[in-house]
C-alpha atoms as a PDB file:
ATOM      1  CA  UNK A   1      21.555 -24.009-149.644  1.00  0.00           C
ATOM      2  CA  UNK A   2      24.984 -24.903-148.231  1.00  0.00           C
ATOM      3  CA  UNK A   3      24.254 -23.011-145.086  1.00  0.00           C
ATOM      4  CA  UNK A   4      20.961 -24.983-144.728  1.00  0.00           C
ATOM      5  CA  UNK A   5      22.910 -28.330-145.326  1.00  0.00           C
ATOM      6  CA  UNK A   6      25.321 -27.447-142.762  1.00  0.00           C
ATOM      7  CA  UNK A   7      22.791 -26.400-140.129  1.00  0.00           C
ATOM      8  CA  UNK A   8      20.765 -29.593-140.734  1.00  0.00           C
ATOM      9  CA  UNK A   9      24.158 -31.779-140.516  1.00  0.00           C
ATOM     10  CA  UNK A  10      24.960 -30.008-137.200  1.00  0.00           C
ATOM     11  CA  UNK A  11      21.390 -30.354-135.926  1.00  0.00           C
ATOM     12  CA  UNK A  12      21.492 -33.950-136.577  1.00  0.00           C
ATOM     13  CA  UNK A  13      24.830 -34.720-134.923  1.00  0.00           C
ATOM     14  CA  UNK A  14      23.515 -32.683-131.909  1.00  0.00           C
ATOM     15  CA  UNK A  15      20.381 -34.795-131.601  1.00  0.00           C
ATOM     16  CA  UNK A  16      22.504 -37.887-131.906  1.00  0.00           C
ATOM     17  CA  UNK A  17      24.991 -36.535-129.079  1.00  0.00           C
ATOM     18  CA  UNK A  18      22.131 -35.561-127.016  1.00  0.00           C
ATOM     19  CA  UNK A  19      20.401 -38.841-127.113  1.00  0.00           C
ATOM     20  CA  UNK A  20      23.496 -40.825-126.474  1.00  0.00           C
ATOM     21  CA  UNK A  21      24.409 -38.472-123.479  1.00  0.00           C
ATOM     22  CA  UNK A  22      20.951 -38.798-121.968  1.00  0.00           C
ATOM     23  CA  UNK A  23      20.962 -42.539-122.156  1.00  0.00           C
ATOM     24  CA  UNK A  24      24.532 -42.961-120.669  1.00  0.00           C
ATOM     25  CA  UNK A  25      24.254 -40.258-118.213  1.00  0.00           C
ATOM     26  CA  UNK A  26      20.998 -40.506-116.385  1.00  0.00           C
ATOM     27  CA  UNK A  27      20.652 -44.246-115.538  1.00  0.00           C
ATOM     28  CA  UNK A  28      22.688 -44.086-112.382  1.00  0.00           C
ATOM     29  CA  UNK A  29      21.399 -40.666-111.235  1.00  0.00           C
ATOM     30  CA  UNK A  30      19.502 -40.231-107.941  1.00  0.00           C
ATOM     31  CA  UNK A  31      15.777 -39.598-108.745  1.00  0.00           C
ATOM     32  CA  UNK A  32      12.832 -37.990-107.132  1.00  0.00           C
ATOM     33  CA  UNK A  33       9.261 -38.904-108.083  1.00  0.00           C
ATOM     34  CA  UNK A  34      10.806 -41.075-110.916  1.00  0.00           C
ATOM     35  CA  UNK A  35      12.669 -38.096-112.522  1.00  0.00           C
ATOM     36  CA  UNK A  36      16.559 -37.923-112.518  1.00  0.00           C
ATOM     37  CA  UNK A  37      18.557 -35.039-111.048  1.00  0.00           C
ATOM     38  CA  UNK A  38      19.363 -33.939-114.499  1.00  0.00           C
ATOM     39  CA  UNK A  39      15.682 -33.625-115.203  1.00  0.00           C
ATOM     40  CA  UNK A  40      14.864 -31.572-112.006  1.00  0.00           C
ATOM     41  CA  UNK A  41      18.069 -29.205-112.889  1.00  0.00           C
ATOM     42  CA  UNK A  42      17.007 -28.635-116.302  1.00  0.00           C
ATOM     43  CA  UNK A  43      13.403 -27.757-115.050  1.00  0.00           C
ATOM     44  CA  UNK A  44      15.115 -25.400-112.624  1.00  0.00           C
ATOM     45  CA  UNK A  45      17.126 -23.582-115.148  1.00  0.00           C
ATOM     46  CA  UNK A  46      14.214 -23.616-117.706  1.00  0.00           C
ATOM     47  CA  UNK A  47      11.510 -22.276-115.535  1.00  0.00           C
ATOM     48  CA  UNK A  48      10.003 -18.918-116.687  1.00  0.00           C
ATOM     49  CA  UNK A  49       6.862 -17.180-115.737  1.00  0.00           C
ATOM     50  CA  UNK A  50       5.030 -18.634-118.638  1.00  0.00           C
ATOM     51  CA  UNK A  51       6.048 -22.027-117.780  1.00  0.00           C
ATOM     52  CA  UNK A  52       5.422 -21.509-113.975  1.00  0.00           C
ATOM     53  CA  UNK A  53       1.748 -20.582-115.000  1.00  0.00           C
ATOM     54  CA  UNK A  54       1.395 -23.968-116.740  1.00  0.00           C
ATOM     55  CA  UNK A  55      -0.536 -26.687-114.729  1.00  0.00           C
ATOM     56  CA  UNK A  56       1.980 -29.260-116.356  1.00  0.00           C
ATOM     57  CA  UNK A  57       5.278 -27.635-115.592  1.00  0.00           C
ATOM     58  CA  UNK A  58       6.293 -28.092-111.928  1.00  0.00           C
ATOM     59  CA  UNK A  59       6.375 -24.969-109.791  1.00  0.00           C
ATOM     60  CA  UNK A  60       9.669 -23.567-108.760  1.00  0.00           C
ATOM     61  CA  UNK A  61       8.970 -24.696-105.128  1.00  0.00           C
ATOM     62  CA  UNK A  62       8.290 -28.167-106.196  1.00  0.00           C
ATOM     63  CA  UNK A  63      11.757 -28.241-108.207  1.00  0.00           C
ATOM     64  CA  UNK A  64      13.414 -26.940-105.269  1.00  0.00           C
ATOM     65  CA  UNK A  65      12.034 -29.311-102.879  1.00  0.00           C
ATOM     66  CA  UNK A  66      13.000 -32.196-105.449  1.00  0.00           C
ATOM     67  CA  UNK A  67      16.531 -30.950-105.415  1.00  0.00           C
ATOM     68  CA  UNK A  68      16.654 -30.785-101.540  1.00  0.00           C
ATOM     69  CA  UNK A  69      14.883 -34.221-101.318  1.00  0.00           C
ATOM     70  CA  UNK A  70      17.785 -35.927-103.420  1.00  0.00           C
ATOM     71  CA  UNK A  71      20.023 -34.053-100.979  1.00  0.00           C
ATOM     72  CA  UNK A  72      23.545 -35.385-100.643  1.00  0.00           C
ATOM     73  CA  UNK A  73      23.007 -38.203-103.104  1.00  0.00           C
ATOM     74  CA  UNK A  74      23.272 -35.254-105.660  1.00  0.00           C
ATOM     75  CA  UNK A  75      26.827 -34.176-104.527  1.00  0.00           C
ATOM     76  CA  UNK A  76      29.021 -36.714-106.549  1.00  0.00           C
ATOM     77  CA  UNK A  77      27.193 -35.785-109.701  1.00  0.00           C
ATOM     78  CA  UNK A  78      27.344 -32.047-109.000  1.00  0.00           C
ATOM     79  CA  UNK A  79      31.145 -32.161-108.338  1.00  0.00           C
ATOM     80  CA  UNK A  80      31.551 -33.942-111.536  1.00  0.00           C
ATOM     81  CA  UNK A  81      29.425 -31.582-113.671  1.00  0.00           C
ATOM     82  CA  UNK A  82      30.861 -28.595-112.427  1.00  0.00           C
ATOM     83  CA  UNK A  83      34.115 -29.422-114.088  1.00  0.00           C
ATOM     84  CA  UNK A  84      32.595 -29.742-117.408  1.00  0.00           C
ATOM     85  CA  UNK A  85      34.545 -27.851-120.066  1.00  0.00           C
ATOM     86  CA  UNK A  86      33.714 -27.245-123.768  1.00  0.00           C
ATOM     87  CA  UNK A  87      35.553 -29.212-126.434  1.00  0.00           C
ATOM     88  CA  UNK A  88      38.851 -27.965-127.499  1.00  0.00           C
ATOM     89  CA  UNK A  89      37.428 -26.642-130.758  1.00  0.00           C
ATOM     90  CA  UNK A  90      34.624 -24.738-128.994  1.00  0.00           C
ATOM     91  CA  UNK A  91      36.245 -21.244-129.379  1.00  0.00           C
ATOM     92  CA  UNK A  92      37.203 -21.799-133.146  1.00  0.00           C
ATOM     93  CA  UNK A  93      33.761 -23.131-133.898  1.00  0.00           C
ATOM     94  CA  UNK A  94      32.293 -19.961-132.672  1.00  0.00           C
ATOM     95  CA  UNK A  95      34.708 -17.638-134.295  1.00  0.00           C
ATOM     96  CA  UNK A  96      34.416 -19.388-137.679  1.00  0.00           C
ATOM     97  CA  UNK A  97      30.533 -20.120-137.837  1.00  0.00           C
ATOM     98  CA  UNK A  98      27.835 -17.626-138.098  1.00  0.00           C
ATOM     99  CA  UNK A  99      25.600 -16.682-135.340  1.00  0.00           C
ATOM    100  CA  UNK A 100      22.699 -18.046-137.314  1.00  0.00           C
ATOM    101  CA  UNK A 101      24.283 -21.600-136.748  1.00  0.00           C
ATOM    102  CA  UNK A 102      26.056 -21.261-133.356  1.00  0.00           C
ATOM    103  CA  UNK A 103      23.058 -19.634-131.609  1.00  0.00           C
ATOM    104  CA  UNK A 104      20.690 -22.575-132.611  1.00  0.00           C
ATOM    105  CA  UNK A 105      20.083 -24.492-129.526  1.00  0.00           C
ATOM    106  CA  UNK A 106      21.024 -28.250-131.060  1.00  0.00           C
ATOM    107  CA  UNK A 107      24.164 -26.721-132.677  1.00  0.00           C
ATOM    108  CA  UNK A 108      25.200 -24.708-129.620  1.00  0.00           C
ATOM    109  CA  UNK A 109      24.824 -27.733-127.490  1.00  0.00           C
ATOM    110  CA  UNK A 110      27.087 -29.742-130.025  1.00  0.00           C
ATOM    111  CA  UNK A 111      29.563 -27.101-130.098  1.00  0.00           C
ATOM    112  CA  UNK A 112      29.670 -26.493-126.231  1.00  0.00           C
ATOM    113  CA  UNK A 113      29.652 -30.303-125.638  1.00  0.00           C
ATOM    114  CA  UNK A 114      26.810 -32.391-124.401  1.00  0.00           C
ATOM    115  CA  UNK A 115      26.497 -31.769-120.609  1.00  0.00           C
ATOM    116  CA  UNK A 116      28.486 -28.585-120.618  1.00  0.00           C
ATOM    117  CA  UNK A 117      25.187 -26.683-119.462  1.00  0.00           C
ATOM    118  CA  UNK A 118      25.238 -28.937-116.698  1.00  0.00           C
ATOM    119  CA  UNK A 119      28.233 -27.021-115.168  1.00  0.00           C
ATOM    120  CA  UNK A 120      26.012 -23.953-114.602  1.00  0.00           C
ATOM    121  CA  UNK A 121      23.117 -25.959-113.486  1.00  0.00           C
ATOM    122  CA  UNK A 122      25.375 -27.766-110.966  1.00  0.00           C
ATOM    123  CA  UNK A 123      26.532 -24.386-109.559  1.00  0.00           C
ATOM    124  CA  UNK A 124      22.880 -23.282-109.086  1.00  0.00           C
ATOM    125  CA  UNK A 125      22.069 -26.544-107.145  1.00  0.00           C
ATOM    126  CA  UNK A 126      24.624 -25.907-104.627  1.00  0.00           C
ATOM    127  CA  UNK A 127      22.747 -22.717-103.887  1.00  0.00           C
ATOM    128  CA  UNK A 128      19.412 -24.630-103.498  1.00  0.00           C
ATOM    129  CA  UNK A 129      21.072 -27.192-101.266  1.00  0.00           C
ATOM    130  CA  UNK A 130      22.748 -24.453 -99.166  1.00  0.00           C
ATOM    131  CA  UNK A 131      24.384 -25.879 -95.888  1.00  0.00           C
ATOM    132  CA  UNK A 132      23.130 -29.419 -96.814  1.00  0.00           C
ATOM    133  CA  UNK A 133      25.900 -29.441 -99.320  1.00  0.00           C
ATOM    134  CA  UNK A 134      28.547 -28.963 -96.701  1.00  0.00           C
ATOM    135  CA  UNK A 135      30.080 -32.430 -97.273  1.00  0.00           C
ATOM    136  CA  UNK A 136      31.145 -31.192-100.667  1.00  0.00           C
ATOM    137  CA  UNK A 137      33.211 -28.383 -99.285  1.00  0.00           C
ATOM    138  CA  UNK A 138      36.643 -30.050 -99.122  1.00  0.00           C
ATOM    139  CA  UNK A 139      36.285 -31.203-102.796  1.00  0.00           C
ATOM    140  CA  UNK A 140      35.099 -27.737-103.847  1.00  0.00           C
ATOM    141  CA  UNK A 141      37.978 -26.024-101.964  1.00  0.00           C
ATOM    142  CA  UNK A 142      40.280 -28.425-103.823  1.00  0.00           C
ATOM    143  CA  UNK A 143      38.782 -27.597-107.145  1.00  0.00           C
ATOM    144  CA  UNK A 144      38.972 -23.955-106.420  1.00  0.00           C
ATOM    145  CA  UNK A 145      42.612 -23.909-105.337  1.00  0.00           C
ATOM    146  CA  UNK A 146      44.263 -26.319-107.567  1.00  0.00           C
ATOM    147  CA  UNK A 147      42.645 -25.980-110.941  1.00  0.00           C
ATOM    148  CA  UNK A 148      44.175 -24.247-113.815  1.00  0.00           C
ATOM    149  CA  UNK A 149      40.949 -23.621-115.407  1.00  0.00           C
ATOM    150  CA  UNK A 150      39.457 -19.985-114.486  1.00  0.00           C
ATOM    151  CA  UNK A 151      36.039 -21.429-115.404  1.00  0.00           C
ATOM    152  CA  UNK A 152      36.176 -24.167-112.883  1.00  0.00           C
ATOM    153  CA  UNK A 153      37.773 -21.997-110.250  1.00  0.00           C
ATOM    154  CA  UNK A 154      35.033 -19.419-110.719  1.00  0.00           C
ATOM    155  CA  UNK A 155      32.295 -22.080-110.474  1.00  0.00           C
ATOM    156  CA  UNK A 156      33.785 -23.425-107.316  1.00  0.00           C
ATOM    157  CA  UNK A 157      33.940 -19.887-105.654  1.00  0.00           C
ATOM    158  CA  UNK A 158      30.117 -19.511-106.625  1.00  0.00           C
ATOM    159  CA  UNK A 159      29.264 -22.940-105.255  1.00  0.00           C
ATOM    160  CA  UNK A 160      30.928 -22.376-102.069  1.00  0.00           C
ATOM    161  CA  UNK A 161      29.081 -19.134-101.619  1.00  0.00           C
ATOM    162  CA  UNK A 162      25.894 -21.067-102.199  1.00  0.00           C
ATOM    163  CA  UNK A 163      26.781 -23.637 -99.493  1.00  0.00           C
ATOM    164  CA  UNK A 164      26.902 -20.481 -97.173  1.00  0.00           C
ATOM    165  CA  UNK A 165      28.463 -20.005 -93.682  1.00  0.00           C
ATOM    166  CA  UNK A 166      30.382 -23.432 -93.364  1.00  0.00           C
ATOM    167  CA  UNK A 167      32.297 -22.393 -96.392  1.00  0.00           C
ATOM    168  CA  UNK A 168      32.915 -18.792 -95.627  1.00  0.00           C
ATOM    169  CA  UNK A 169      36.468 -19.112 -93.819  1.00  0.00           C
ATOM    170  CA  UNK A 170      37.703 -20.954 -97.143  1.00  0.00           C
ATOM    171  CA  UNK A 171      36.580 -18.065 -99.220  1.00  0.00           C
ATOM    172  CA  UNK A 172      38.282 -15.659 -97.022  1.00  0.00           C
ATOM    173  CA  UNK A 173      41.528 -17.713 -97.313  1.00  0.00           C
ATOM    174  CA  UNK A 174      41.041 -17.733-101.068  1.00  0.00           C
ATOM    175  CA  UNK A 175      40.437 -13.979-101.203  1.00  0.00           C
ATOM    176  CA  UNK A 176      44.140 -13.319 -99.713  1.00  0.00           C
ATOM    177  CA  UNK A 177      45.796 -16.004-101.762  1.00  0.00           C
ATOM    178  CA  UNK A 178      47.574 -14.211-104.776  1.00  0.00           C
ATOM    179  CA  UNK A 179      47.693 -17.325-106.688  1.00  0.00           C
ATOM    180  CA  UNK A 180      43.984 -17.941-106.425  1.00  0.00           C
ATOM    181  CA  UNK A 181      42.256 -17.955-109.824  1.00  0.00           C
ATOM    182  CA  UNK A 182      39.045 -15.634-109.910  1.00  0.00           C
ATOM    183  CA  UNK A 183      39.839 -13.902-106.639  1.00  0.00           C
ATOM    184  CA  UNK A 184      37.841 -10.846-107.805  1.00  0.00           C
ATOM    185  CA  UNK A 185      34.808 -12.922-107.838  1.00  0.00           C
ATOM    186  CA  UNK A 186      34.923 -13.405-104.006  1.00  0.00           C
ATOM    187  CA  UNK A 187      34.140  -9.873-102.590  1.00  0.00           C
ATOM    188  CA  UNK A 188      30.793  -9.870-104.530  1.00  0.00           C
ATOM    189  CA  UNK A 189      29.813 -13.218-103.239  1.00  0.00           C
ATOM    190  CA  UNK A 190      30.871 -12.292 -99.610  1.00  0.00           C
ATOM    191  CA  UNK A 191      28.493  -9.450 -99.854  1.00  0.00           C
ATOM    192  CA  UNK A 192      25.740 -11.922-100.733  1.00  0.00           C
ATOM    193  CA  UNK A 193      26.660 -14.026 -97.784  1.00  0.00           C
ATOM    194  CA  UNK A 194      26.268 -11.263 -95.301  1.00  0.00           C
ATOM    195  CA  UNK A 195      22.749 -12.347 -94.715  1.00  0.00           C
ATOM    196  CA  UNK A 196      24.171 -15.685 -93.461  1.00  0.00           C
ATOM    197  CA  UNK A 197      27.281 -14.941 -91.792  1.00  0.00           C
ATOM    198  CA  UNK A 198      26.644 -11.462 -90.604  1.00  0.00           C
ATOM    199  CA  UNK A 199      27.818  -8.125 -92.006  1.00  0.00           C
ATOM    200  CA  UNK A 200      30.548  -7.765 -89.276  1.00  0.00           C
ATOM    201  CA  UNK A 201      32.017 -11.073 -90.147  1.00  0.00           C
ATOM    202  CA  UNK A 202      32.490  -9.928 -93.860  1.00  0.00           C
ATOM    203  CA  UNK A 203      34.012  -6.588 -93.097  1.00  0.00           C
ATOM    204  CA  UNK A 204      37.504  -7.531 -91.936  1.00  0.00           C
ATOM    205  CA  UNK A 205      38.416  -9.602 -95.198  1.00  0.00           C
ATOM    206  CA  UNK A 206      36.824  -6.952 -97.435  1.00  0.00           C
ATOM    207  CA  UNK A 207      38.552  -4.007 -95.711  1.00  0.00           C
ATOM    208  CA  UNK A 208      41.951  -6.072 -96.142  1.00  0.00           C
ATOM    209  CA  UNK A 209      41.185  -6.509 -99.722  1.00  0.00           C
ATOM    210  CA  UNK A 210      40.949  -2.776-100.172  1.00  0.00           C
ATOM    211  CA  UNK A 211      44.807  -2.883 -99.971  1.00  0.00           C
ATOM    212  CA  UNK A 212      45.218  -5.878-102.185  1.00  0.00           C
ATOM    213  CA  UNK A 213      48.002  -5.378-105.009  1.00  0.00           C
ATOM    214  CA  UNK A 214      45.255  -6.490-107.567  1.00  0.00           C
ATOM    215  CA  UNK A 215      43.170  -3.828-108.956  1.00  0.00           C
ATOM    216  CA  UNK A 216      40.242  -5.968-109.788  1.00  0.00           C
ATOM    217  CA  UNK A 217      40.154  -7.373-106.294  1.00  0.00           C
ATOM    218  CA  UNK A 218      40.421  -3.882-104.732  1.00  0.00           C
ATOM    219  CA  UNK A 219      37.614  -2.485-107.037  1.00  0.00           C
ATOM    220  CA  UNK A 220      35.394  -5.684-106.228  1.00  0.00           C
ATOM    221  CA  UNK A 221      35.955  -5.267-102.382  1.00  0.00           C
ATOM    222  CA  UNK A 222      35.014  -1.455-102.864  1.00  0.00           C
ATOM    223  CA  UNK A 223      31.830  -2.261-104.552  1.00  0.00           C
ATOM    224  CA  UNK A 224      30.954  -4.917-101.850  1.00  0.00           C
ATOM    225  CA  UNK A 225      31.634  -2.440 -98.954  1.00  0.00           C
ATOM    226  CA  UNK A 226      29.656   0.277-100.841  1.00  0.00           C
ATOM    227  CA  UNK A 227      26.580  -1.812-100.245  1.00  0.00           C
ATOM    228  CA  UNK A 228      27.422  -3.327 -96.688  1.00  0.00           C
ATOM    229  CA  UNK A 229      29.257  -0.314 -95.043  1.00  0.00           C
ATOM    230  CA  UNK A 230      29.676   2.649 -97.164  1.00  0.00           C
ATOM    231  CA  UNK A 231      30.809   4.673 -94.295  1.00  0.00           C
ATOM    232  CA  UNK A 232      34.330   2.671 -94.428  1.00  0.00           C
ATOM    233  CA  UNK A 233      34.990   3.787 -98.006  1.00  0.00           C
ATOM    234  CA  UNK A 234      36.451   7.350 -97.456  1.00  0.00           C
ATOM    235  CA  UNK A 235      39.687   6.172 -98.548  1.00  0.00           C
ATOM    236  CA  UNK A 236      38.510   3.545-100.905  1.00  0.00           C
ATOM    237  CA  UNK A 237      40.314   2.989-104.280  1.00  0.00           C
ATOM    238  CA  UNK A 238      38.772   4.542-107.303  1.00  0.00           C
ATOM    239  CA  UNK A 239      36.753   2.424-109.473  1.00  0.00           C
END
């Protein structure tokens, strides 16, 4: 009985938090066809084959078109949301409460903090906007290089890779910076950027990373080169 009361209390608090957050956060957001940027991002992250088959749910192409139509007006919001962190008691709550509570959507949202899921949605949005998000590069680079949060640094790296070719030189610089958080993520995203910037452009920094002092960076570079240029891996480090 106590467990059910706890779950009910958490759910009630979560509903109140969500309601307040939505009312306060979406009023000044850019809109497309009367729907806020937040709405379109949630639709993008919630889309599934079943929903895509529904006539009432917007198709993925329509959602992507909406995000691109909002365009650079979305950037101030995406840059703010990408820095979302869970509350300080987030880890303790997950450690002390049973999964039957922490995995319930309303409780999870309360524990992680209202709007925390927007961080992931914002990262995805940079990939949808692509080079149209290039004006955000300086601020993304600043987030990547000055933050003390591995989460935020990782999101900035992924967002920069989503922007594409204009952001590539900054990722090359970050890959060689031993003080850069999340460096081992970069080779993987360089691999995915090869279609935009060209495989030959990706090879030099990845080859250099094979000699990096950080084992995780060397291994990530090796995995990327195994896809892009396996013939270069004769002397690659063991994974």
